[in-house]
């Protein structure tokens, strides 16, 4: 877990994108973590079943126009995450 924590420290206090195993994508500011969860602030928890857009288009739109916050704080289970990137690394 130490190596995971040191890798995550590069994303601390930055806006990130979390791709989950489910139809959800979560964007927000990474503010902490423990052995089970990532903690995000000012987050957008988005269920892609609620829109006609693709995951990639939704993320690119968020990069262009900013995160549409719908949660002040959210905990995300690490075992649900399939990808993590900085929002600023999303190519538009």
Protein backbone atom coordinates (compact mmCIF):
# COMPACT_ATOMS: atom_id res chain seq x y z
CA UNK A 1 0.00 0.00 0.00
CA UNK A 2 2.93 2.33 0.52
CA UNK A 3 3.73 2.41 -3.18
CA UNK A 4 0.05 3.07 -3.96
CA UNK A 5 0.03 5.94 -1.48
CA UNK A 6 3.19 7.47 -2.88
CA UNK A 7 1.79 7.30 -6.42
CA UNK A 8 -1.48 8.88 -5.26
CA UNK A 9 0.38 11.74 -3.60
CA UNK A 10 1.12 13.13 -7.08
CA UNK A 11 -2.64 13.66 -7.51
CA UNK A 12 -3.35 15.12 -4.07
CA UNK A 13 -5.22 18.46 -4.11
CA UNK A 14 -5.68 18.20 -7.88
CA UNK A 15 -8.81 17.70 -9.97
CA UNK A 16 -8.99 14.06 -11.04
CA UNK A 17 -11.12 11.72 -13.13
CA UNK A 18 -12.09 8.31 -11.77
CA UNK A 19 -13.36 5.69 -14.20
CA UNK A 20 -15.32 3.08 -12.26
CA UNK A 21 -16.23 -0.52 -13.09
CA UNK A 22 -19.86 0.54 -13.20
CA UNK A 23 -21.50 3.12 -15.44
CA UNK A 24 -20.31 5.92 -13.16
CA UNK A 25 -17.54 8.42 -13.74
CA UNK A 26 -16.47 10.68 -10.87
CA UNK A 27 -14.60 13.97 -11.17
CA UNK A 28 -13.40 16.04 -8.24
CA UNK A 29 -10.49 17.21 -6.13
CA UNK A 30 -8.56 14.43 -4.40
CA UNK A 31 -8.20 15.43 -0.74
CA UNK A 32 -7.25 12.17 0.97
CA UNK A 33 -7.27 8.39 1.08
CA UNK A 34 -7.13 5.40 3.37
CA UNK A 35 -6.76 1.67 2.79
CA UNK A 36 -10.29 1.41 1.35
CA UNK A 37 -11.41 4.81 0.01
CA UNK A 38 -10.36 7.88 -1.93
CA UNK A 39 -11.80 11.13 -0.55
CA UNK A 40 -12.87 13.78 -3.04
CA UNK A 41 -14.20 17.31 -2.58
CA UNK A 42 -16.30 19.39 -4.97
CA UNK A 43 -17.14 16.27 -6.94
CA UNK A 44 -19.35 15.34 -9.87
CA UNK A 45 -20.75 11.83 -9.44
CA UNK A 46 -22.16 11.09 -12.89
CA UNK A 47 -24.17 8.05 -13.95
CA UNK A 48 -23.70 7.65 -17.69
CA UNK A 49 -27.04 5.84 -17.95
CA UNK A 50 -28.66 9.24 -17.36
CA UNK A 51 -27.21 10.80 -20.53
CA UNK A 52 -26.77 9.97 -24.19
CA UNK A 53 -23.12 11.04 -24.22
CA UNK A 54 -20.16 8.68 -23.98
CA UNK A 55 -17.78 8.52 -21.04
CA UNK A 56 -14.99 10.15 -23.05
CA UNK A 57 -17.14 13.00 -24.35
CA UNK A 58 -18.42 13.72 -20.84
CA UNK A 59 -14.87 13.88 -19.49
CA UNK A 60 -13.64 16.09 -22.35
CA UNK A 61 -16.61 18.41 -21.80
CA UNK A 62 -15.71 18.63 -18.11
CA UNK A 63 -12.13 19.45 -19.04
CA UNK A 64 -13.30 22.26 -21.33
CA UNK A 65 -16.00 23.76 -19.11
CA UNK A 66 -15.09 22.65 -15.59
CA UNK A 67 -16.48 20.12 -13.17
CA UNK A 68 -20.24 20.34 -12.58
CA UNK A 69 -20.18 19.81 -8.83
CA UNK A 70 -23.08 17.86 -7.30
CA UNK A 71 -21.35 16.65 -4.10
CA UNK A 72 -19.32 18.64 -1.56
CA UNK A 73 -17.55 15.47 -0.42
CA UNK A 74 -17.60 11.87 -1.58
CA UNK A 75 -15.81 8.64 -0.64
CA UNK A 76 -15.04 6.24 -3.49
CA UNK A 77 -14.15 2.61 -2.91
CA UNK A 78 -10.73 1.88 -4.36
CA UNK A 79 -11.76 -1.60 -5.51
CA UNK A 80 -14.34 0.00 -7.86
CA UNK A 81 -11.77 2.16 -9.67
CA UNK A 82 -10.39 1.01 -13.02
CA UNK A 83 -8.65 4.25 -13.95
CA UNK A 84 -7.45 7.50 -12.39
CA UNK A 85 -6.02 10.53 -14.16
CA UNK A 86 -5.57 14.22 -13.58
CA UNK A 87 -8.28 16.25 -15.31
CA UNK A 88 -5.58 18.49 -16.77
CA UNK A 89 -4.11 15.41 -18.51
CA UNK A 90 -7.31 14.86 -20.50
CA UNK A 91 -6.56 15.79 -24.09
CA UNK A 92 -9.07 18.04 -25.81
